[in-house]
Amino acid sequence: MSKIVATLIAGLFATSVFAQTPAATSTSTTTPEAKAEAKAEKKEAKAEAKHDKKVAAADAKAAKAEAKADKADAKVEKAAEKADAKVEKTAEKADAKIEKTHAKAEAKADKVAAKTEAQHK
């Protein structure tokens, strides 16, 4: 057992040298050109995001207006249908009244004709 423990400890010491990260030898310095370019890219991305936000808001506003117009159209169409139904109902009532009046007039005319015929005989 002690041989196994000794081998494990020796393995740990042997690998510990390779496990260390090497010291950074070069420091990365940013040039003023790179800073300006990064700043320009950031500004462009910000402007693009702002533009996209405005476009999305305009699209939403247009969709809302279209939905409102559709709702108004449906309301007008419903009112027109209701008016048409009312006109049709009134026309039917008028036709029925005219028929009834004609029937009464014909009955009266027949009655008068029968009375006059009875008087002539």
Protein backbone atom coordinates (compact mmCIF):
# COMPACT_ATOMS: atom_id res chain seq x y z
CA MET A 1 0.00 0.00 0.00
CA SER A 2 2.81 2.40 0.78
CA LYS A 3 4.20 1.86 -2.72
CA ILE A 4 0.90 2.95 -4.23
CA VAL A 5 0.73 6.06 -2.04
CA ALA A 6 4.33 6.89 -2.87
CA THR A 7 3.61 6.54 -6.61
CA LEU A 8 0.55 8.80 -6.37
CA ILE A 9 2.46 11.48 -4.48
CA ALA A 10 5.33 11.34 -6.94
CA GLY A 11 2.83 11.64 -9.80
CA LEU A 12 1.28 14.73 -8.20
CA PHE A 13 4.67 16.42 -7.88
CA ALA A 14 5.65 15.49 -11.41
CA THR A 15 2.44 16.87 -12.96
CA SER A 16 2.30 19.99 -10.81
CA VAL A 17 5.08 21.54 -12.89
CA PHE A 18 3.06 21.19 -16.08
CA ALA A 19 -0.21 22.31 -14.53
CA GLN A 20 1.04 25.83 -13.88
CA THR A 21 0.09 28.50 -16.38
CA PRO A 22 2.97 30.29 -18.01
CA ALA A 23 3.47 33.92 -17.14
CA ALA A 24 2.14 36.35 -19.72
CA THR A 25 5.09 37.65 -21.63
CA SER A 26 3.33 40.14 -23.89
CA THR A 27 0.88 42.72 -22.69
CA SER A 28 -1.81 43.66 -25.10
CA THR A 29 -1.98 47.38 -25.62
CA THR A 30 -4.77 48.97 -27.54
CA THR A 31 -3.90 51.49 -30.13
CA PRO A 32 -5.87 54.71 -30.46
CA GLU A 33 -7.04 53.55 -33.89
CA ALA A 34 -8.50 50.37 -32.44
CA LYS A 35 -10.18 52.36 -29.67
CA ALA A 36 -11.71 54.74 -32.20
CA GLU A 37 -12.84 51.85 -34.36
CA ALA A 38 -14.43 50.08 -31.40
CA LYS A 39 -16.12 53.30 -30.36
CA ALA A 40 -17.46 53.84 -33.91
CA GLU A 41 -18.75 50.25 -34.04
CA LYS A 42 -20.44 50.70 -30.67
CA LYS A 43 -22.02 53.97 -31.81
CA GLU A 44 -23.20 52.35 -35.06
CA ALA A 45 -24.68 49.38 -33.20
CA LYS A 46 -26.45 51.75 -30.82
CA ALA A 47 -27.87 53.78 -33.72
CA GLU A 48 -29.00 50.60 -35.47
CA ALA A 49 -30.71 49.35 -32.32
CA LYS A 50 -32.45 52.71 -31.91
CA HIS A 51 -33.58 52.59 -35.55
CA ASP A 52 -34.87 49.03 -35.15
CA LYS A 53 -36.77 50.10 -32.05
CA LYS A 54 -38.40 53.00 -33.93
CA VAL A 55 -39.31 50.74 -36.85
CA ALA A 56 -40.86 48.19 -34.48
CA ALA A 57 -42.85 50.93 -32.77
CA ALA A 58 -44.06 52.28 -36.11
CA ASP A 59 -45.05 48.78 -37.22
CA ALA A 60 -46.96 48.22 -34.01
CA LYS A 61 -48.70 51.56 -34.40
CA ALA A 62 -49.64 50.73 -38.01
CA ALA A 63 -50.96 47.32 -36.98
CA LYS A 64 -53.02 48.93 -34.22
CA ALA A 65 -54.45 51.48 -36.67
CA GLU A 66 -55.26 48.74 -39.17
CA ALA A 67 -57.03 46.71 -36.49
CA LYS A 68 -59.00 49.80 -35.49
CA ALA A 69 -59.97 50.42 -39.13
CA ASP A 70 -61.02 46.79 -39.54
CA LYS A 71 -63.15 47.07 -36.42
CA ALA A 72 -64.78 50.25 -37.75
CA ASP A 73 -65.43 48.58 -41.11
CA ALA A 74 -67.07 45.64 -39.37
CA LYS A 75 -69.21 48.02 -37.33
CA VAL A 76 -70.32 49.92 -40.47
CA GLU A 77 -71.05 46.65 -42.27
CA LYS A 78 -73.12 45.41 -39.32
CA ALA A 79 -75.09 48.68 -39.25
CA ALA A 80 -75.69 48.44 -43.02
CA GLU A 81 -76.96 44.87 -42.67
CA LYS A 82 -79.25 45.93 -39.85
CA ALA A 83 -80.60 48.83 -41.92
CA ASP A 84 -81.14 46.54 -44.92
CA ALA A 85 -83.04 44.08 -42.74
CA LYS A 86 -85.19 46.90 -41.37
CA VAL A 87 -85.95 48.22 -44.87
CA GLU A 88 -86.84 44.72 -46.05
CA LYS A 89 -89.13 44.17 -43.06
CA THR A 90 -90.85 47.52 -43.65
CA ALA A 91 -91.28 46.71 -47.35
CA GLU A 92 -92.84 43.35 -46.45
CA LYS A 93 -95.25 45.03 -44.05
CA ALA A 94 -96.20 47.60 -46.69
CA ASP A 95 -96.76 44.87 -49.29
CA ALA A 96 -98.95 42.94 -46.84
CA LYS A 97 -100.93 46.07 -46.05
CA ILE A 98 -101.43 46.81 -49.77
CA GLU A 99 -102.58 43.22 -50.39
CA LYS A 100 -105.00 43.44 -47.49
CA THR A 101 -106.37 46.75 -48.79
CA HIS A 102 -106.78 45.32 -52.31
CA ALA A 103 -108.55 42.28 -50.92
CA LYS A 104 -110.92 44.50 -48.94
CA ALA A 105 -111.53 46.67 -51.98
CA GLU A 106 -112.22 43.65 -54.17
CA ALA A 107 -114.57 42.18 -51.56
CA LYS A 108 -116.40 45.49 -51.30
CA ALA A 109 -116.59 45.78 -55.09
CA ASP A 110 -117.93 42.23 -55.33
CA LYS A 111 -120.46 43.00 -52.63
CA VAL A 112 -121.59 46.16 -54.41
CA ALA A 113 -121.77 44.34 -57.73
CA ALA A 114 -123.82 41.54 -56.22
CA LYS A 115 -126.14 44.08 -54.58
CA THR A 116 -126.64 45.98 -57.83
CA GLU A 117 -127.21 42.78 -59.71
CA ALA A 118 -129.76 41.69 -57.18
CA GLN A 119 -131.55 45.01 -57.54
CA HIS A 120 -131.72 44.73 -61.34
CA LYS A 121 -133.35 41.41 -61.38
